N, C-alpha and C. Protein backbone atom coordinates (compact mmCIF):
# COMPACT_ATOMS: atom_id res chain seq x y z
N GLU A 1 62.41 42.16 -18.06
CA GLU A 1 61.24 42.87 -18.62
C GLU A 1 61.37 44.37 -18.30
N PHE A 2 61.63 44.66 -17.08
CA PHE A 2 61.70 46.08 -16.68
C PHE A 2 62.83 46.79 -17.43
N HIS A 3 63.98 46.12 -17.50
CA HIS A 3 65.12 46.72 -18.19
C HIS A 3 64.79 46.97 -19.66
N GLY A 4 64.18 45.97 -20.29
CA GLY A 4 63.84 46.12 -21.71
C GLY A 4 62.88 47.27 -21.91
N ARG A 5 61.93 47.41 -21.02
CA ARG A 5 60.92 48.48 -21.16
C ARG A 5 61.62 49.84 -20.96
N THR A 6 62.49 49.92 -19.99
CA THR A 6 63.19 51.19 -19.73
C THR A 6 64.02 51.59 -20.95
N MET A 7 64.71 50.60 -21.53
CA MET A 7 65.55 50.90 -22.70
C MET A 7 64.67 51.40 -23.85
N LEU A 8 63.54 50.73 -24.04
CA LEU A 8 62.64 51.12 -25.14
C LEU A 8 62.12 52.54 -24.90
N VAL A 9 61.69 52.81 -23.69
CA VAL A 9 61.15 54.15 -23.37
C VAL A 9 62.26 55.17 -23.53
N ARG A 10 63.46 54.82 -23.06
CA ARG A 10 64.57 55.79 -23.12
C ARG A 10 64.88 56.10 -24.60
N GLY A 11 64.86 55.09 -25.44
CA GLY A 11 65.15 55.31 -26.87
C GLY A 11 64.09 56.21 -27.49
N THR A 12 62.84 56.00 -27.14
CA THR A 12 61.77 56.83 -27.70
C THR A 12 61.91 58.27 -27.21
N ILE A 13 62.20 58.44 -25.95
CA ILE A 13 62.33 59.80 -25.39
C ILE A 13 63.53 60.50 -26.03
N SER A 14 64.62 59.75 -26.17
CA SER A 14 65.83 60.33 -26.76
C SER A 14 65.53 60.81 -28.18
N LYS A 15 64.82 60.01 -28.93
CA LYS A 15 64.48 60.39 -30.32
C LYS A 15 63.58 61.62 -30.31
N GLY A 16 62.64 61.66 -29.40
CA GLY A 16 61.72 62.81 -29.36
C GLY A 16 62.41 64.04 -28.80
N GLU A 17 63.32 63.84 -27.87
CA GLU A 17 64.01 64.99 -27.27
C GLU A 17 65.02 65.59 -28.23
N THR A 18 65.66 64.73 -29.01
CA THR A 18 66.70 65.21 -29.94
C THR A 18 66.07 66.09 -31.01
């Protein structure tokens, strides 16, 4: 669960940061 949430958050941040 934690890993999945981190990956999801990381993907969202990456999209917003890019």
